[in-house]
PDB file of N, CA and C in Angstrom:
ATOM      1  N   PRO A   1     -25.123   3.387  11.764  1.00  0.00           N
ATOM      2  CA  PRO A   1     -24.699   4.706  11.598  1.00  0.00           C
ATOM      3  C   PRO A   1     -25.077   5.160  10.300  1.00  0.00           C
ATOM      4  N   LEU A   2     -24.447   3.887   9.195  1.00  0.00           N
ATOM      5  CA  LEU A   2     -24.499   4.960   8.032  1.00  0.00           C
ATOM      6  C   LEU A   2     -25.939   4.880   7.278  1.00  0.00           C
ATOM      7  N   HIS A   3     -26.908   4.267   8.013  1.00  0.00           N
ATOM      8  CA  HIS A   3     -28.355   4.131   7.683  1.00  0.00           C
ATOM      9  C   HIS A   3     -29.093   5.407   8.711  1.00  0.00           C
ATOM     10  N   GLY A   4     -29.132   6.838   7.929  1.00  0.00           N
ATOM     11  CA  GLY A   4     -30.133   7.401   8.601  1.00  0.00           C
ATOM     12  C   GLY A   4     -31.367   7.261   8.395  1.00  0.00           C
ATOM     13  N   ALA A   5     -32.686   8.590   9.223  1.00  0.00           N
ATOM     14  CA  ALA A   5     -33.537   8.369   8.887  1.00  0.00           C
ATOM     15  C   ALA A   5     -34.073   8.266   7.684  1.00  0.00           C
ATOM     16  N   GLU A   6     -33.488   9.236   6.767  1.00  0.00           N
ATOM     17  CA  GLU A   6     -33.304   9.457   5.151  1.00  0.00           C
ATOM     18  C   GLU A   6     -32.466   8.146   4.301  1.00  0.00           C
ATOM     19  N   GLY A   7     -32.047   7.492   5.282  1.00  0.00           N
ATOM     20  CA  GLY A   7     -31.531   6.143   4.311  1.00  0.00           C
ATOM     21  C   GLY A   7     -29.825   6.449   4.252  1.00  0.00           C
ATOM     22  N   PRO A   8     -29.132   5.777   3.433  1.00  0.00           N
ATOM     23  CA  PRO A   8     -27.448   5.622   3.568  1.00  0.00           C
ATOM     24  C   PRO A   8     -27.455   6.892   3.211  1.00  0.00           C
ATOM     25  N   TRP A   9     -26.503   7.914   3.526  1.00  0.00           N
ATOM     26  CA  TRP A   9     -25.774   9.393   3.597  1.00  0.00           C
ATOM     27  C   TRP A   9     -25.484   9.803   1.860  1.00  0.00           C
ATOM     28  N   ILE A  10     -24.918   8.227   1.855  1.00  0.00           N
ATOM     29  CA  ILE A  10     -24.477   8.529   0.075  1.00  0.00           C
ATOM     30  C   ILE A  10     -25.662   9.069  -0.784  1.00  0.00           C
ATOM     31  N   ASN A  11     -27.251   8.696  -0.651  1.00  0.00           N
ATOM     32  CA  ASN A  11     -27.932   8.915  -1.316  1.00  0.00           C
ATOM     33  C   ASN A  11     -28.952   9.959  -1.291  1.00  0.00           C
ATOM     34  N   ARG A  12     -27.732  10.963  -0.290  1.00  0.00           N
ATOM     35  CA  ARG A  12     -28.706  12.409  -0.019  1.00  0.00           C
ATOM     36  C   ARG A  12     -28.190  13.648  -1.213  1.00  0.00           C
ATOM     37  N   PRO A  13     -28.849  14.308  -0.751  1.00  0.00           N
ATOM     38  CA  PRO A  13     -28.489  15.083  -1.679  1.00  0.00           C
ATOM     39  C   PRO A  13     -26.973  15.820  -1.361  1.00  0.00           C
ATOM     40  N   PHE A  14     -25.915  16.005  -2.171  1.00  0.00           N
ATOM     41  CA  PHE A  14     -24.815  16.686  -1.617  1.00  0.00           C
ATOM     42  C   PHE A  14     -25.059  17.680   0.115  1.00  0.00           C
ATOM     43  N   LEU A  15     -26.268  18.474   0.162  1.00  0.00           N
ATOM     44  CA  LEU A  15     -26.106  19.158   1.438  1.00  0.00           C
ATOM     45  C   LEU A  15     -25.780  18.981   2.199  1.00  0.00           C
ATOM     46  N   GLY A  16     -26.003  17.420   2.177  1.00  0.00           N
ATOM     47  CA  GLY A  16     -25.448  16.466   3.608  1.00  0.00           C
ATOM     48  C   GLY A  16     -23.823  16.980   3.803  1.00  0.00           C
ATOM     49  N   TRP A  17     -22.913  17.037   2.733  1.00  0.00           N
ATOM     50  CA  TRP A  17     -21.502  17.348   3.138  1.00  0.00           C
ATOM     51  C   TRP A  17     -21.199  18.511   3.414  1.00  0.00           C
ATOM     52  N   GLU A  18     -21.879  19.643   3.146  1.00  0.00           N
ATOM     53  CA  GLU A  18     -22.328  20.937   3.350  1.00  0.00           C
ATOM     54  C   GLU A  18     -21.839  20.679   5.157  1.00  0.00           C
ATOM     55  N   ALA A  19     -23.241  19.869   5.493  1.00  0.00           N
ATOM     56  CA  ALA A  19     -23.151  20.069   6.918  1.00  0.00           C
ATOM     57  C   ALA A  19     -22.229  18.866   7.435  1.00  0.00           C
ATOM     58  N   THR A  20     -22.803  18.193   7.735  1.00  0.00           N
ATOM     59  CA  THR A  20     -22.003  16.911   8.384  1.00  0.00           C
ATOM     60  C   THR A  20     -22.360  15.790   8.010  1.00  0.00           C
ATOM     61  N   VAL A  21     -21.464  14.832   8.082  1.00  0.00           N
ATOM     62  CA  VAL A  21     -21.428  13.363   7.880  1.00  0.00           C
ATOM     63  C   VAL A  21     -21.499  12.107   8.798  1.00  0.00           C
ATOM     64  N   ASN A  22     -22.114  11.977   9.398  1.00  0.00           N
ATOM     65  CA  ASN A  22     -22.154  11.243  10.045  1.00  0.00           C
ATOM     66  C   ASN A  22     -21.977  12.227  11.528  1.00  0.00           C
ATOM     67  N   GLY A  23     -21.929  12.751  11.537  1.00  0.00           N
ATOM     68  CA  GLY A  23     -21.312  14.241  12.970  1.00  0.00           C
ATOM     69  C   GLY A  23     -19.914  14.260  12.947  1.00  0.00           C
ATOM     70  N   MET A  24     -19.320  13.773  11.621  1.00  0.00           N
ATOM     71  CA  MET A  24     -18.041  14.582  10.919  1.00  0.00           C
ATOM     72  C   MET A  24     -18.370  15.713  10.017  1.00  0.00           C
ATOM     73  N   SER A  25     -17.561  16.692  10.243  1.00  0.00           N
ATOM     74  CA  SER A  25     -17.321  17.898   8.974  1.00  0.00           C
ATOM     75  C   SER A  25     -16.865  17.496   7.600  1.00  0.00           C
ATOM     76  N   ARG A  26     -16.881  18.324   6.459  1.00  0.00           N
ATOM     77  CA  ARG A  26     -16.344  17.660   5.526  1.00  0.00           C
ATOM     78  C   ARG A  26     -15.262  18.021   5.479  1.00  0.00           C
ATOM     79  N   ASP A  27     -14.277  18.936   6.198  1.00  0.00           N
ATOM     80  CA  ASP A  27     -12.939  19.470   6.314  1.00  0.00           C
ATOM     81  C   ASP A  27     -12.648  17.553   7.207  1.00  0.00           C
ATOM     82  N   GLN A  28     -13.343  17.608   7.986  1.00  0.00           N
ATOM     83  CA  GLN A  28     -12.701  16.385   8.846  1.00  0.00           C
ATOM     84  C   GLN A  28     -12.563  15.507   7.918  1.00  0.00           C
ATOM     85  N   ILE A  29     -13.407  14.519   7.072  1.00  0.00           N
ATOM     86  CA  ILE A  29     -13.625  13.719   5.728  1.00  0.00           C
ATOM     87  C   ILE A  29     -12.179  13.604   5.403  1.00  0.00           C
ATOM     88  N   MET A  30     -12.404  14.928   4.051  1.00  0.00           N
ATOM     89  CA  MET A  30     -11.113  15.258   3.521  1.00  0.00           C
ATOM     90  C   MET A  30      -9.802  15.029   4.402  1.00  0.00           C
ATOM     91  N   GLN A  31      -9.890  15.173   5.684  1.00  0.00           N
ATOM     92  CA  GLN A  31      -8.781  15.294   6.245  1.00  0.00           C
ATOM     93  C   GLN A  31      -8.061  13.945   6.158  1.00  0.00           C
ATOM     94  N   LEU A  32      -9.386  13.120   6.607  1.00  0.00           N
ATOM     95  CA  LEU A  32      -9.188  11.677   7.226  1.00  0.00           C
ATOM     96  C   LEU A  32      -8.972  10.667   5.688  1.00  0.00           C
ATOM     97  N   VAL A  33      -9.129  11.051   4.731  1.00  0.00           N
ATOM     98  CA  VAL A  33      -8.846  10.591   3.190  1.00  0.00           C
ATOM     99  C   VAL A  33      -8.004  10.845   3.298  1.00  0.00           C
ATOM    100  N   GLU A  34      -7.047  11.963   2.913  1.00  0.00           N
ATOM    101  CA  GLU A  34      -5.709  12.340   2.988  1.00  0.00           C
ATOM    102  C   GLU A  34      -4.528  11.119   3.691  1.00  0.00           C
ATOM    103  N   THR A  35      -5.360  11.601   4.863  1.00  0.00           N
ATOM    104  CA  THR A  35      -3.911  10.331   5.770  1.00  0.00           C
ATOM    105  C   THR A  35      -4.077   8.829   5.168  1.00  0.00           C
ATOM    106  N   VAL A  36      -5.433   9.033   4.739  1.00  0.00           N
ATOM    107  CA  VAL A  36      -4.942   7.229   4.467  1.00  0.00           C
ATOM    108  C   VAL A  36      -4.504   7.265   3.304  1.00  0.00           C
ATOM    109  N   ASN A  37      -5.076   8.034   2.596  1.00  0.00           N
ATOM    110  CA  ASN A  37      -4.011   7.846   0.860  1.00  0.00           C
ATOM    111  C   ASN A  37      -2.435   7.645   1.513  1.00  0.00           C
ATOM    112  N   VAL A  38      -2.209   8.699   2.437  1.00  0.00           N
ATOM    113  CA  VAL A  38      -0.750   9.000   3.057  1.00  0.00           C
ATOM    114  C   VAL A  38      -0.328   7.770   3.221  1.00  0.00           C
ATOM    115  N   PHE A  39      -0.760   7.309   4.489  1.00  0.00           N
ATOM    116  CA  PHE A  39      -0.105   5.819   4.674  1.00  0.00           C
ATOM    117  C   PHE A  39      -0.131   4.778   3.455  1.00  0.00           C
ATOM    118  N   LEU A  40      -1.310   4.563   3.162  1.00  0.00           N
ATOM    119  CA  LEU A  40      -1.443   3.293   2.154  1.00  0.00           C
ATOM    120  C   LEU A  40      -0.467   3.732   1.181  1.00  0.00           C
ATOM    121  N   ARG A  41       0.062   5.161   0.601  1.00  0.00           N
ATOM    122  CA  ARG A  41       1.246   5.207  -0.343  1.00  0.00           C
ATOM    123  C   ARG A  41       2.560   4.789   0.258  1.00  0.00           C
ATOM    124  N   ILE A  42       1.976   4.946   2.051  1.00  0.00           N
ATOM    125  CA  ILE A  42       4.094   4.840   2.442  1.00  0.00           C
ATOM    126  C   ILE A  42       4.330   3.194   2.321  1.00  0.00           C
ATOM    127  N   THR A  43       2.800   2.462   2.547  1.00  0.00           N
ATOM    128  CA  THR A  43       2.903   1.148   3.027  1.00  0.00           C
ATOM    129  C   THR A  43       3.319   0.426   1.738  1.00  0.00           C
ATOM    130  N   CYS A  44       2.745   1.022   0.901  1.00  0.00           N
ATOM    131  CA  CYS A  44       2.909   0.060  -0.520  1.00  0.00           C
ATOM    132  C   CYS A  44       4.541   0.771  -1.131  1.00  0.00           C
ATOM    133  N   ALA A  45       5.119   1.805  -0.671  1.00  0.00           N
ATOM    134  CA  ALA A  45       6.129   2.096  -0.811  1.00  0.00           C
ATOM    135  C   ALA A  45       7.443   1.054  -0.372  1.00  0.00           C
ATOM    136  N   THR A  46       6.878   0.876   1.181  1.00  0.00           N
ATOM    137  CA  THR A  46       7.802   0.519   2.076  1.00  0.00           C
ATOM    138  C   THR A  46       7.788  -1.111   1.313  1.00  0.00           C
ATOM    139  N   TYR A  47       6.433  -1.377   1.145  1.00  0.00           N
ATOM    140  CA  TYR A  47       6.497  -3.010   0.502  1.00  0.00           C
ATOM    141  C   TYR A  47       6.939  -3.241  -0.588  1.00  0.00           C
ATOM    142  N   LEU A  48       6.856  -2.460  -1.662  1.00  0.00           N
ATOM    143  CA  LEU A  48       7.656  -2.391  -3.068  1.00  0.00           C
ATOM    144  C   LEU A  48       9.338  -2.563  -2.792  1.00  0.00           C
ATOM    145  N   ALA A  49       9.534  -1.570  -1.826  1.00  0.00           N
ATOM    146  CA  ALA A  49      11.521  -1.582  -1.649  1.00  0.00           C
ATOM    147  C   ALA A  49      11.725  -2.988  -1.096  1.00  0.00           C
ATOM    148  N   CYS A  50      11.239  -3.045   0.021  1.00  0.00           N
ATOM    149  CA  CYS A  50      11.378  -4.437   0.763  1.00  0.00           C
ATOM    150  C   CYS A  50      11.254  -5.899  -0.484  1.00  0.00           C
ATOM    151  N   THR A  51      10.122  -5.983  -1.051  1.00  0.00           N
ATOM    152  CA  THR A  51      10.288  -6.930  -2.184  1.00  0.00           C
ATOM    153  C   THR A  51      11.572  -6.495  -3.335  1.00  0.00           C
ATOM    154  N   LEU A  52      11.446  -5.607  -3.493  1.00  0.00           N
ATOM    155  CA  LEU A  52      12.752  -5.666  -4.720  1.00  0.00           C
ATOM    156  C   LEU A  52      14.112  -6.062  -3.903  1.00  0.00           C
ATOM    157  N   HIS A  53      14.356  -5.780  -2.558  1.00  0.00           N
ATOM    158  CA  HIS A  53      15.267  -5.763  -2.518  1.00  0.00           C
ATOM    159  C   HIS A  53      15.862  -7.001  -1.791  1.00  0.00           C
ATOM    160  N   VAL A  54      14.678  -7.853  -1.073  1.00  0.00           N
ATOM    161  CA  VAL A  54      14.735  -9.266  -1.287  1.00  0.00           C
ATOM    162  C   VAL A  54      14.739 -10.178  -2.488  1.00  0.00           C
ATOM    163  N   GLY A  55      14.260  -9.891  -3.650  1.00  0.00           N
ATOM    164  CA  GLY A  55      14.540 -10.149  -4.880  1.00  0.00           C
ATOM    165  C   GLY A  55      15.695 -10.033  -5.018  1.00  0.00           C
ATOM    166  N   MET A  56      16.634  -8.559  -4.836  1.00  0.00           N
ATOM    167  CA  MET A  56      17.439  -8.629  -5.400  1.00  0.00           C
ATOM    168  C   MET A  56      19.129  -9.651  -4.625  1.00  0.00           C
ATOM    169  N   MET A  57      18.462  -9.895  -3.694  1.00  0.00           N
ATOM    170  CA  MET A  57      19.808 -10.489  -2.731  1.00  0.00           C
ATOM    171  C   MET A  57      19.937 -11.707  -3.031  1.00  0.00           C
ATOM    172  N   ALA A  58      18.518 -12.807  -3.440  1.00  0.00           N
ATOM    173  CA  ALA A  58      18.350 -13.593  -4.030  1.00  0.00           C
ATOM    174  C   ALA A  58      18.608 -14.209  -4.694  1.00  0.00           C
ATOM    175  N   ALA A  59      18.303 -13.252  -5.852  1.00  0.00           N
ATOM    176  CA  ALA A  59      19.165 -13.669  -7.188  1.00  0.00           C
ATOM    177  C   ALA A  59      20.413 -13.110  -7.073  1.00  0.00           C
ATOM    178  N   ILE A  60      21.757 -12.444  -6.425  1.00  0.00           N
ATOM    179  CA  ILE A  60      22.408 -12.121  -6.095  1.00  0.00           C
ATOM    180  C   ILE A  60      23.131 -13.437  -5.420  1.00  0.00           C
ATOM    181  N   ASP A  61      22.606 -14.199  -4.534  1.00  0.00           N
ATOM    182  CA  ASP A  61      22.646 -15.260  -4.070  1.00  0.00           C
ATOM    183  C   ASP A  61      23.004 -16.386  -4.998  1.00  0.00           C
ATOM    184  N   VAL A  62      21.804 -16.023  -5.909  1.00  0.00           N
ATOM    185  CA  VAL A  62      21.690 -17.851  -6.291  1.00  0.00           C
ATOM    186  C   VAL A  62      22.917 -17.857  -7.588  1.00  0.00           C
ATOM    187  N   SER A  63      23.022 -16.504  -8.585  1.00  0.00           N
ATOM    188  CA  SER A  63      24.161 -16.105  -9.682  1.00  0.00           C
ATOM    189  C   SER A  63      25.697 -16.502  -8.528  1.00  0.00           C
ATOM    190  N   ARG A  64      26.035 -16.454  -7.312  1.00  0.00           N
ATOM    191  CA  ARG A  64      27.093 -16.636  -7.054  1.00  0.00           C
ATOM    192  C   ARG A  64      27.389 -17.652  -6.732  1.00  0.00           C
ATOM    193  N   ARG A  65      26.202 -18.400  -6.048  1.00  0.00           N
ATOM    194  CA  ARG A  65      26.047 -20.096  -5.508  1.00  0.00           C
ATOM    195  C   ARG A  65      26.412 -20.766  -7.464  1.00  0.00           C
ATOM    196  N   PHE A  66      25.639 -20.152  -8.377  1.00  0.00           N
ATOM    197  CA  PHE A  66      26.094 -21.057  -9.813  1.00  0.00           C
ATOM    198  C   PHE A  66      27.255 -20.697 -10.185  1.00  0.00           C
ATOM    199  N   PHE A  67      27.930 -19.204 -10.375  1.00  0.00           N
ATOM    200  CA  PHE A  67      29.354 -19.277 -10.760  1.00  0.00           C
ATOM    201  C   PHE A  67      30.311 -20.079 -10.286  1.00  0.00           C
ATOM    202  N   GLU A  68      29.936 -20.336  -8.526  1.00  0.00           N
ATOM    203  CA  GLU A  68      31.147 -21.195  -7.566  1.00  0.00           C
ATOM    204  C   GLU A  68      30.478 -22.376  -8.390  1.00  0.00           C
ATOM    205  N   PHE A  69      29.982 -22.965  -8.178  1.00  0.00           N
ATOM    206  CA  PHE A  69      29.321 -24.516  -8.767  1.00  0.00           C
ATOM    207  C   PHE A  69      30.042 -24.529 -10.338  1.00  0.00           C
ATOM    208  N   ARG A  70      30.324 -23.492 -10.990  1.00  0.00           N
ATOM    209  CA  ARG A  70      31.009 -23.748 -12.297  1.00  0.00           C
ATOM    210  C   ARG A  70      32.329 -23.458 -12.181  1.00  0.00           C
ATOM    211  N   ARG A  71      32.909 -22.881 -11.606  1.00  0.00           N
ATOM    212  CA  ARG A  71      33.993 -22.647 -10.800  1.00  0.00           C
ATOM    213  C   ARG A  71      35.082 -23.984 -10.382  1.00  0.00           C
ATOM    214  N   ARG A  72      34.017 -24.677  -9.721  1.00  0.00           N
ATOM    215  CA  ARG A  72      34.589 -26.065  -8.446  1.00  0.00           C
ATOM    216  C   ARG A  72      34.684 -27.124 -10.243  1.00  0.00           C
ATOM    217  N   LYS A  73      33.333 -26.918 -10.803  1.00  0.00           N
ATOM    218  CA  LYS A  73      33.194 -27.617 -12.048  1.00  0.00           C
ATOM    219  C   LYS A  73      34.413 -27.912 -13.131  1.00  0.00           C
ATOM    220  N   VAL A  74      35.055 -26.342 -13.351  1.00  0.00           N
ATOM    221  CA  VAL A  74      36.510 -26.219 -14.798  1.00  0.00           C
ATOM    222  C   VAL A  74      38.000 -26.877 -13.504  1.00  0.00           C
ATOM    223  N   ASN A  75      37.455 -26.561 -12.471  1.00  0.00           N
ATOM    224  CA  ASN A  75      38.848 -26.859 -11.870  1.00  0.00           C
ATOM    225  C   ASN A  75      38.859 -28.384 -11.667  1.00  0.00           C
ATOM    226  N   GLN A  76      37.791 -29.186 -11.321  1.00  0.00           N
ATOM    227  CA  GLN A  76      37.840 -30.005 -11.441  1.00  0.00           C
ATOM    228  C   GLN A  76      38.964 -31.229 -12.222  1.00  0.00           C
ATOM    229  N   THR A  77      38.333 -30.211 -13.500  1.00  0.00           N
ATOM    230  CA  THR A  77      38.477 -30.955 -15.240  1.00  0.00           C
ATOM    231  C   THR A  77      39.929 -30.665 -15.183  1.00  0.00           C
TER     232      THR A  77
END
């Protein structure tokens, strides 16, 4: 569908934007782009938050184990 009689719609003059692009109006396309942007932003934020949280938990776990190990060593001597 991207390749119409006039070739790819991207190469058309911007008159194509004003009318329709693949049967979608410009407002619809802008709305779609905005929706995708928001979705991507939310996904990225969630991913970062999860990664950070998991990393923090792992770091806390490791440090706790390390301190327990040291304490045990100190108690032995």
